[in-house]
Protein backbone atom coordinates (compact mmCIF):
# COMPACT_ATOMS: atom_id res chain seq x y z
CA UNK A 1 0.07 -0.18 0.32
CA UNK A 2 1.13 3.07 -0.66
CA UNK A 3 1.87 4.99 2.56
CA UNK A 4 -0.47 7.73 3.79
CA UNK A 5 0.72 11.08 4.08
CA UNK A 6 0.93 13.38 6.85
CA UNK A 7 -1.54 15.95 5.43
CA UNK A 8 -3.83 13.06 4.78
CA UNK A 9 -3.20 11.59 8.57
CA UNK A 10 -4.05 15.26 9.89
CA UNK A 11 -7.26 15.28 8.19
CA UNK A 12 -8.91 12.34 9.21
CA UNK A 13 -7.65 13.03 13.16
CA UNK A 14 -9.10 16.57 12.74
CA UNK A 15 -12.34 14.47 11.58
CA UNK A 16 -12.07 11.92 14.39
CA UNK A 17 -11.60 15.10 16.57
CA UNK A 18 -14.40 17.06 15.68
CA UNK A 19 -16.82 14.00 15.36
CA UNK A 20 -15.68 12.82 18.54
CA UNK A 21 -15.30 16.48 20.91
CA UNK A 22 -18.97 16.67 21.69
CA UNK A 23 -19.37 12.95 23.62
CA UNK A 24 -15.24 13.75 25.04
CA UNK A 25 -15.88 17.25 25.81
CA UNK A 26 -19.21 16.53 27.93
CA UNK A 27 -21.60 18.59 25.53
CA UNK A 28 -23.80 15.71 26.74
CA UNK A 29 -23.44 14.23 30.10
CA UNK A 30 -24.67 10.66 30.47
CA UNK A 31 -26.39 9.61 34.08
CA UNK A 32 -25.05 6.10 35.48
CA UNK A 33 -28.61 5.78 37.27
CA UNK A 34 -29.96 4.71 33.83
CA UNK A 35 -27.89 1.94 32.88
CA UNK A 36 -24.94 1.27 30.87
CA UNK A 37 -27.11 0.38 27.65
CA UNK A 38 -29.30 3.55 27.67
CA UNK A 39 -26.81 5.62 28.18
CA UNK A 40 -24.49 3.80 25.43
CA UNK A 41 -27.81 3.97 22.71
CA UNK A 42 -27.84 8.00 23.17
CA UNK A 43 -24.13 8.21 23.19
CA UNK A 44 -24.71 6.06 19.90
CA UNK A 45 -27.53 8.71 18.79
CA UNK A 46 -25.25 11.70 19.47
CA UNK A 47 -22.02 10.56 17.67
CA UNK A 48 -24.39 9.86 14.64
CA UNK A 49 -25.33 13.04 14.64
CA UNK A 50 -21.95 14.92 14.65
CA UNK A 51 -20.94 11.94 11.67
CA UNK A 52 -23.79 13.78 9.62
CA UNK A 53 -22.89 16.80 10.15
CA UNK A 54 -19.52 16.44 9.28
CA UNK A 55 -21.15 14.37 6.36
CA UNK A 56 -22.29 17.89 5.17
CA UNK A 57 -18.77 19.93 5.68
CA UNK A 58 -17.03 16.73 4.07
CA UNK A 59 -19.43 17.28 0.88
CA UNK A 60 -19.37 20.48 0.78
CA UNK A 61 -16.56 20.82 -2.43
CA UNK A 62 -14.34 23.50 0.30
CA UNK A 63 -10.95 24.04 -1.31
CA UNK A 64 -9.84 23.23 2.87
CA UNK A 65 -11.42 20.38 2.93
CA UNK A 66 -10.33 18.69 -0.41
CA UNK A 67 -7.03 20.08 -1.01
CA UNK A 68 -5.05 17.88 1.57
CA UNK A 69 -5.94 14.81 0.13
CA UNK A 70 -7.78 15.07 -2.89
CA UNK A 71 -11.62 15.30 -3.83
CA UNK A 72 -11.59 11.82 -5.03
CA UNK A 73 -10.56 10.37 -1.99
CA UNK A 74 -12.74 13.40 0.42
CA UNK A 75 -15.65 11.89 -1.71
CA UNK A 76 -15.08 8.32 -1.41
CA UNK A 77 -14.08 8.66 2.37
CA UNK A 78 -17.67 10.76 2.33
CA UNK A 79 -19.03 7.09 0.37
CA UNK A 80 -17.44 5.28 3.55
CA UNK A 81 -18.42 7.23 6.56
CA UNK A 82 -22.13 6.90 5.26
CA UNK A 83 -22.45 3.57 6.36
CA UNK A 84 -21.52 3.71 10.12
CA UNK A 85 -23.17 7.32 10.78
CA UNK A 86 -26.58 5.07 9.39
CA UNK A 87 -25.40 2.42 11.64
CA UNK A 88 -25.30 4.28 14.79
CA UNK A 89 -28.31 6.28 14.14
CA UNK A 90 -30.53 3.46 13.43
CA UNK A 91 -29.15 1.45 16.69
CA UNK A 92 -30.03 4.13 18.70
CA UNK A 93 -33.69 3.53 18.99
CA UNK A 94 -33.47 -0.56 18.31
CA UNK A 95 -31.43 -0.43 21.55
CA UNK A 96 -34.49 1.87 23.07
CA UNK A 97 -36.56 -0.98 21.44
CA UNK A 98 -34.92 -3.64 23.38
CA UNK A 99 -34.68 -2.16 26.55
CA UNK A 100 -38.28 -1.23 27.02
CA UNK A 101 -41.25 -2.10 24.56
CA UNK A 102 -43.03 1.02 25.64
CA UNK A 103 -40.95 2.74 23.57
CA UNK A 104 -42.04 1.60 20.06
CA UNK A 105 -44.91 3.78 20.60
CA UNK A 106 -43.06 6.33 19.71
CA UNK A 107 -43.40 4.93 16.18
CA UNK A 108 -46.52 6.13 16.08
CA UNK A 109 -46.47 9.11 13.93
CA UNK A 110 -50.32 10.15 14.92
CA UNK A 111 -50.16 9.81 18.08
CA UNK A 112 -46.50 10.35 19.51
CA UNK A 113 -44.86 13.67 20.88
CA UNK A 114 -43.49 16.33 18.29
CA UNK A 115 -39.81 14.69 19.44
CA UNK A 116 -40.49 11.62 18.36
CA UNK A 117 -41.90 12.58 15.26
CA UNK A 118 -39.22 14.62 13.80
CA UNK A 119 -36.75 11.02 15.17
CA UNK A 120 -38.66 9.19 12.42
CA UNK A 121 -39.12 11.42 10.01
CA UNK A 122 -34.94 11.75 10.23
CA UNK A 123 -34.39 7.80 10.32
CA UNK A 124 -36.57 7.14 7.32
CA UNK A 125 -35.37 10.18 5.34
CA UNK A 126 -31.83 8.84 5.94
CA UNK A 127 -32.87 5.12 5.02
CA UNK A 128 -33.84 6.58 1.75
CA UNK A 129 -31.09 8.80 0.91
CA UNK A 130 -28.24 5.76 1.66
CA UNK A 131 -30.64 3.04 -0.86
CA UNK A 132 -31.15 5.83 -3.54
CA UNK A 133 -26.99 6.06 -3.40
CA UNK A 134 -26.22 2.46 -3.53
CA UNK A 135 -28.96 1.20 -5.72
CA UNK A 136 -28.61 4.50 -7.94
CA UNK A 137 -27.17 3.05 -11.18
CA UNK A 138 -29.17 -0.17 -11.05
CA UNK A 139 -32.48 1.65 -10.36
CA UNK A 140 -31.68 3.97 -13.41
CA UNK A 141 -32.07 7.13 -11.54
CA UNK A 142 -30.96 10.19 -13.45
CA UNK A 143 -28.03 11.78 -12.17
CA UNK A 144 -29.27 15.21 -11.64
CA UNK A 145 -32.41 13.73 -9.86
CA UNK A 146 -30.55 12.42 -7.68
CA UNK A 147 -28.31 14.57 -6.75
CA UNK A 148 -31.62 17.29 -5.64
CA UNK A 149 -33.22 14.33 -3.88
CA UNK A 150 -29.27 13.54 -2.28
CA UNK A 151 -29.04 17.37 -1.13
CA UNK A 152 -32.94 17.63 -0.12
CA UNK A 153 -33.03 14.07 2.42
CA UNK A 154 -28.90 14.82 3.96
CA UNK A 155 -30.85 18.53 4.78
CA UNK A 156 -34.25 16.38 6.36
CA UNK A 157 -32.01 14.23 7.98
CA UNK A 158 -30.03 16.52 9.86
CA UNK A 159 -32.58 19.29 10.53
CA UNK A 160 -34.74 16.77 12.17
CA UNK A 161 -32.32 15.48 13.76
CA UNK A 162 -31.22 18.42 15.26
CA UNK A 163 -34.69 19.07 16.17
CA UNK A 164 -35.47 15.62 18.12
CA UNK A 165 -32.07 16.19 19.43
CA UNK A 166 -33.25 19.75 21.17
CA UNK A 167 -36.75 18.95 21.71
CA UNK A 168 -35.81 15.80 24.19
CA UNK A 169 -34.22 18.83 25.94
CA UNK A 170 -33.05 15.43 28.99
CA UNK A 171 -29.75 15.26 28.05
CA UNK A 172 -29.31 19.34 27.49
CA UNK A 173 -30.61 20.65 30.61
CA UNK A 174 -27.62 23.25 31.04
CA UNK A 175 -28.16 26.43 28.61
CA UNK A 176 -24.33 25.99 27.60
CA UNK A 177 -24.84 22.34 26.46
CA UNK A 178 -27.77 23.64 24.49
CA UNK A 179 -25.88 26.57 23.36
CA UNK A 180 -23.47 23.65 21.71
CA UNK A 181 -25.53 22.60 19.72
CA UNK A 182 -27.33 25.36 18.64
CA UNK A 183 -24.36 26.79 17.47
CA UNK A 184 -23.74 23.34 15.70
CA UNK A 185 -26.85 23.76 13.72
CA UNK A 186 -26.30 26.94 12.80
CA UNK A 187 -23.11 25.86 11.22
CA UNK A 188 -24.64 23.33 9.12
CA UNK A 189 -27.48 25.49 8.36
CA UNK A 190 -24.67 28.88 7.13
CA UNK A 191 -22.53 26.32 5.44
CA UNK A 192 -25.69 24.81 3.65
CA UNK A 193 -26.41 28.79 2.37
CA UNK A 194 -22.81 29.24 1.45
CA UNK A 195 -23.11 26.36 -0.65
CA UNK A 196 -26.33 26.91 -2.33
CA UNK A 197 -27.20 30.06 -1.89
CA UNK A 198 -23.60 32.99 -1.68
CA UNK A 199 -21.28 31.00 -4.09
CA UNK A 200 -24.07 30.19 -6.68
CA UNK A 201 -24.47 34.02 -6.99
CA UNK A 202 -20.62 34.19 -7.53
CA UNK A 203 -20.46 32.02 -10.15
CA UNK A 204 -22.86 34.06 -12.04
CA UNK A 205 -21.23 36.94 -11.72
CA UNK A 206 -17.91 34.45 -12.80
CA UNK A 207 -19.93 32.48 -15.67
CA UNK A 208 -18.67 31.28 -18.93
CA UNK A 209 -19.56 31.14 -22.46
CA UNK A 210 -18.91 28.20 -25.43
CA UNK A 211 -16.46 29.77 -27.57
CA UNK A 212 -15.25 26.41 -29.59
CA UNK A 213 -16.99 23.08 -29.49
CA UNK A 214 -15.56 20.69 -31.45
CA UNK A 215 -16.93 16.72 -31.90
CA UNK A 216 -14.62 13.69 -32.67
CA UNK A 217 -14.55 10.67 -34.28
CA UNK A 218 -13.61 8.75 -31.00
CA UNK A 219 -17.17 9.63 -29.32
CA UNK A 220 -15.55 12.59 -27.20
CA UNK A 221 -16.18 16.36 -27.26
CA UNK A 222 -14.18 19.10 -26.56
CA UNK A 223 -15.48 22.12 -25.03
CA UNK A 224 -13.60 25.62 -25.18
CA UNK A 225 -15.34 28.07 -23.18
CA UNK A 226 -14.18 31.82 -21.80
CA UNK A 227 -14.67 34.17 -19.71
CA UNK A 228 -17.69 36.29 -19.70
CA UNK A 229 -16.33 38.96 -17.42
CA UNK A 230 -12.63 38.33 -18.10
CA UNK A 231 -12.11 40.33 -14.81
CA UNK A 232 -14.46 39.01 -12.73
CA UNK A 233 -11.48 36.33 -10.92
CA UNK A 234 -8.83 38.78 -10.54
CA UNK A 235 -5.72 39.99 -12.21
CA UNK A 236 -4.39 36.11 -11.92
CA UNK A 237 -8.18 34.59 -13.84
CA UNK A 238 -9.43 30.95 -13.41
CA UNK A 239 -5.71 29.81 -11.54
CA UNK A 240 -5.64 26.36 -11.29
CA UNK A 241 -2.86 23.73 -11.35
CA UNK A 242 -2.33 21.16 -14.25
CA UNK A 243 -4.24 18.05 -13.51
CA UNK A 244 -7.45 19.62 -11.66
CA UNK A 245 -10.79 19.31 -12.43
CA UNK A 246 -13.86 21.03 -11.89
CA UNK A 247 -17.76 20.94 -11.26
CA UNK A 248 -19.77 22.45 -14.78
CA UNK A 249 -23.05 22.82 -15.42
CA UNK A 250 -25.07 24.64 -18.95
CA UNK A 251 -27.86 25.89 -19.39
CA UNK A 252 -28.94 26.14 -16.35
CA UNK A 253 -29.66 28.78 -13.33
CA UNK A 254 -26.10 29.03 -11.05
CA UNK A 255 -28.45 27.69 -8.42
CA UNK A 256 -29.15 24.31 -10.07
CA UNK A 257 -28.45 21.23 -8.03
CA UNK A 258 -27.02 19.70 -10.96
CA UNK A 259 -23.05 19.89 -11.50
CA UNK A 260 -20.72 17.24 -13.03
CA UNK A 261 -16.96 16.91 -12.72
CA UNK A 262 -14.70 17.23 -15.12
CA UNK A 263 -10.79 17.17 -15.80
CA UNK A 264 -9.38 20.36 -17.43
CA UNK A 265 -7.34 19.61 -20.09
CA UNK A 266 -6.11 23.05 -21.31
CA UNK A 267 -2.99 24.92 -20.02
CA UNK A 268 -3.01 26.14 -16.40
CA UNK A 269 -1.02 28.70 -17.69
CA UNK A 270 -4.33 30.37 -19.78
CA UNK A 271 -6.22 31.92 -17.38
CA UNK A 272 -9.09 33.25 -18.89
CA UNK A 273 -9.91 30.10 -21.35
CA UNK A 274 -10.21 26.70 -20.42
CA UNK A 275 -11.04 23.13 -22.14
CA UNK A 276 -12.52 20.21 -21.33
CA UNK A 277 -12.69 16.96 -23.48
CA UNK A 278 -15.59 15.00 -22.36
CA UNK A 279 -17.15 11.50 -23.49
CA UNK A 280 -20.83 10.92 -23.46
CA UNK A 281 -21.85 8.68 -20.74
CA UNK A 282 -25.58 10.01 -19.08
CA UNK A 283 -27.20 12.83 -18.26
CA UNK A 284 -24.97 15.98 -18.99
CA UNK A 285 -22.15 14.64 -20.32
CA UNK A 286 -24.44 12.99 -23.17
CA UNK A 287 -25.97 16.51 -23.43
CA UNK A 288 -22.49 17.88 -23.69
CA UNK A 289 -22.57 17.59 -27.77
CA UNK A 290 -25.84 19.28 -28.20
CA UNK A 291 -24.30 22.81 -26.44
CA UNK A 292 -24.14 25.73 -28.90
CA UNK A 293 -21.27 28.24 -28.87
CA UNK A 294 -22.58 31.36 -27.39
CA UNK A 295 -24.25 29.31 -24.52
CA UNK A 296 -23.57 30.09 -20.40
CA UNK A 297 -22.22 27.45 -18.09
CA UNK A 298 -21.31 28.04 -15.09
CA UNK A 299 -17.76 26.43 -13.47
CA UNK A 300 -17.41 25.17 -9.67
CA UNK A 301 -13.89 24.91 -8.95
CA UNK A 302 -10.85 24.19 -9.59
CA UNK A 303 -10.68 21.48 -7.73
CA UNK A 304 -8.55 18.12 -6.88
CA UNK A 305 -4.90 17.01 -5.10
CA UNK A 306 -3.87 15.56 -8.14
CA UNK A 307 -1.84 18.35 -10.40
CA UNK A 308 1.84 18.84 -11.95
CA UNK A 309 4.57 19.90 -10.30
CA UNK A 310 5.65 22.42 -12.60
CA UNK A 311 8.94 22.82 -10.57
CA UNK A 312 10.22 19.34 -10.75
CA UNK A 313 12.77 18.30 -13.88
CA UNK A 314 12.94 14.78 -13.42
CA UNK A 315 11.26 12.09 -15.42
CA UNK A 316 7.61 12.52 -16.02
CA UNK A 317 5.43 9.21 -16.63
CA UNK A 318 1.73 9.51 -17.08
CA UNK A 319 -0.22 6.34 -17.00
CA UNK A 320 -4.34 6.53 -18.61
CA UNK A 321 -7.03 4.66 -20.04
CA UNK A 322 -9.46 6.35 -21.92
CA UNK A 323 -10.55 9.73 -20.99
CA UNK A 324 -8.76 9.46 -18.11
CA UNK A 325 -5.90 11.11 -20.37
CA UNK A 326 -7.50 14.28 -19.96
CA UNK A 327 -5.73 15.45 -17.11
CA UNK A 328 -2.56 13.98 -17.93
CA UNK A 329 -3.10 16.44 -21.48
CA UNK A 330 -3.36 19.32 -19.44
CA UNK A 331 -0.15 18.76 -17.74
CA UNK A 332 1.83 17.96 -21.09
CA UNK A 333 -0.01 21.59 -22.08
CA UNK A 334 1.38 23.32 -19.45
CA UNK A 335 4.85 21.65 -19.92
CA UNK A 336 4.70 22.80 -23.49
CA UNK A 337 3.60 26.44 -22.73
CA UNK A 338 6.76 26.80 -20.61
CA UNK A 339 8.83 25.54 -23.04
CA UNK A 340 10.10 22.81 -20.61
CA UNK A 341 12.71 20.10 -21.82
CA UNK A 342 11.56 17.79 -18.86
CA UNK A 343 11.50 14.08 -20.57
CA UNK A 344 7.99 13.13 -20.53
CA UNK A 345 6.57 9.52 -21.45
CA UNK A 346 2.67 9.37 -22.35
CA UNK A 347 1.26 5.46 -22.07
CA UNK A 348 -2.44 5.37 -22.73
CA UNK A 349 -4.57 2.23 -23.26
CA UNK A 350 -7.25 2.42 -26.14
CA UNK A 351 -10.12 0.31 -27.02
CA UNK A 352 -8.33 0.68 -30.56
CA UNK A 353 -6.61 2.72 -33.00
CA UNK A 354 -10.00 4.84 -33.96
CA UNK A 355 -10.45 5.64 -30.05
CA UNK A 356 -7.60 7.58 -29.07
CA UNK A 357 -8.89 10.77 -26.76
CA UNK A 358 -7.34 13.65 -27.19
CA UNK A 359 -5.12 12.57 -30.08
CA UNK A 360 -4.73 15.91 -32.11
CA UNK A 361 -3.79 17.15 -29.16
CA UNK A 362 -1.07 14.65 -28.48
CA UNK A 363 -0.11 14.44 -32.04
CA UNK A 364 0.50 18.00 -31.52
CA UNK A 365 2.14 17.73 -28.06
CA UNK A 366 4.90 15.16 -29.36
CA UNK A 367 6.07 18.12 -31.71
CA UNK A 368 6.34 20.75 -28.88
CA UNK A 369 7.96 18.83 -26.04
CA UNK A 370 10.49 15.85 -25.10
CA UNK A 371 7.84 13.32 -25.33
CA UNK A 372 7.26 9.59 -25.83
CA UNK A 373 3.76 7.84 -27.15
CA UNK A 374 3.20 4.27 -26.06
CA UNK A 375 -0.15 3.25 -27.11
CA UNK A 376 -1.52 0.47 -25.94
CA UNK A 377 -4.96 -1.32 -27.43
CA UNK A 378 -7.71 -3.88 -26.26
CA UNK A 379 -9.19 -4.80 -29.71
CA UNK A 380 -7.02 -3.30 -32.28
CA UNK A 381 -7.76 -2.95 -36.14
CA UNK A 382 -4.86 -3.00 -37.82
CA UNK A 383 -3.06 -6.55 -37.83
CA UNK A 384 0.19 -4.43 -37.08
CA UNK A 385 -0.66 -4.01 -33.29
CA UNK A 386 -2.74 -7.52 -32.67
CA UNK A 387 0.18 -9.11 -31.29
CA UNK A 388 1.11 -5.59 -29.56
CA UNK A 389 1.62 -5.28 -25.63
CA UNK A 390 -1.20 -4.64 -23.14
CA UNK A 391 -0.85 -2.31 -20.14
CA UNK A 392 -0.13 -4.60 -17.53
CA UNK A 393 2.83 -5.17 -15.39
CA UNK A 394 5.05 -6.53 -17.64
CA UNK A 395 4.88 -3.61 -19.82
CA UNK A 396 5.11 -1.31 -16.87
CA UNK A 397 8.51 -2.81 -15.64
CA UNK A 398 9.91 -2.85 -19.61
CA UNK A 399 9.26 0.69 -20.11
CA UNK A 400 10.41 2.41 -16.85
CA UNK A 401 12.90 5.68 -17.75
CA UNK A 402 16.38 5.24 -17.13
CA UNK A 403 16.08 7.15 -13.83
CA UNK A 404 12.77 5.50 -12.56
CA UNK A 405 12.86 6.00 -8.77
CA UNK A 406 13.58 9.75 -9.32
CA UNK A 407 10.47 10.13 -12.13
CA UNK A 408 7.04 11.42 -10.64
CA UNK A 409 4.30 8.96 -11.89
CA UNK A 410 0.57 10.01 -12.49
CA UNK A 411 -2.14 7.31 -13.23
CA UNK A 412 -5.57 8.08 -14.42
CA UNK A 413 -8.36 5.71 -15.43
CA UNK A 414 -10.24 3.01 -13.94
CA UNK A 415 -10.04 1.78 -10.35
CA UNK A 416 -8.64 -1.77 -12.07
CA UNK A 417 -5.34 0.07 -13.90
CA UNK A 418 -5.03 2.32 -10.44
CA UNK A 419 -4.11 -0.83 -8.81
CA UNK A 420 -2.19 -2.83 -10.76
CA UNK A 421 -0.44 0.70 -11.84
CA UNK A 422 0.30 1.53 -8.33
CA UNK A 423 1.22 -2.24 -7.34
CA UNK A 424 4.04 -2.59 -9.97
CA UNK A 425 5.15 0.89 -9.57
CA UNK A 426 5.78 0.24 -6.04
CA UNK A 427 7.47 -3.32 -6.55
CA UNK A 428 9.83 -2.19 -8.86
CA UNK A 429 10.89 0.35 -5.90
CA UNK A 430 9.65 3.27 -7.21
CA UNK A 431 9.17 5.43 -3.70
CA UNK A 432 5.47 5.69 -2.88
CA UNK A 433 5.42 9.63 -2.74
CA UNK A 434 6.25 9.72 -6.38
CA UNK A 435 3.30 8.08 -7.49
CA UNK A 436 0.07 10.41 -7.65
CA UNK A 437 -3.32 8.56 -8.81
CA UNK A 438 -6.88 10.29 -9.45
CA UNK A 439 -9.40 7.57 -9.77
CA UNK A 440 -12.86 7.97 -11.91
CA UNK A 441 -16.17 7.42 -10.66
CA UNK A 442 -16.05 9.76 -7.52
CA UNK A 443 -19.93 10.80 -8.06
């Protein structure tokens, strides 16, 4: 396994601290006379509430949250933590029912007190949220519909749970205890206002329009966007690092729930125009070919910890598959604009010769850089390529550059490729901190 960076360890440590502090710090007090299991049930309820609140922060796309470890890892962590948070939330009432069957009466929302109604609402919304997230693709729920439902259900879960806690009141008798949870509620509401109101207003001022659109034979579409107001981002323009991505939406209000993440494929040195190469799949990625010149888009970004260290001069090895080449192309475009002499190697897996993503762009870059490109085809069309190499551990070991231990490696593609490339490089003696990756399917 690749060693965790100190920033990753610190990030996880901060998360644990924020989640546990309401219990450890005494924001609630559990009475010994009420028995261990009852107190344990209450503690699980508060722990779940803290974790659900933290889920809002994790998914808020705030730069200070995502930059230390990368957005793909943040969203994977968000998904992983949803399971224990849900388990703690559901075990909380189940323990109460096991301790005293009279608690079952609280499930009758027609006769139960308001605090119980909020608890039931929160639990039902939480179960619905988790099920829709797990089975979204199997149930063929459109991404836009899922995004809206996910946000509304998450807000319902958190607000109903907070209302339940404050109305129960038994464990928040002291004014400072109530103030603690009221402040947490205001924090979460404020975060929601920032994400859904203030940031969209800022994006409206920083709107983009389609300056060029090109459909390719491989089924991808390249978009070039230009700022409507070039001064909207200040003197530095839309500053991003080569390899990062942004969330974009088109033909919608900036307040739209539906934003889709795509890697930027243009040079980081050009800050008033940005490019994306998108493979049609579903939702916006399938509709992008129907955009027209001048159509307005809104961009939320940049994001991601997968980016080029422009100060390095060691060999650069880029490993990608299909549309995973787009952030790698952004790195190469940036180096070309810098007139870099850095040795570069691109190993790209594609279905066949006609499905090479960004092919024309790569060919132009070969003329501007010291760039060696090796293509690997899973179903080659031409006889000469049918006995070609495969992008497997043997290929990686065979094509490692002379200064393999000093080189920087960037890998972007499906999970199987990611795991294979990482393990192969590590086994070849490449230091873990020289291997960088970004996974597809983060949402």
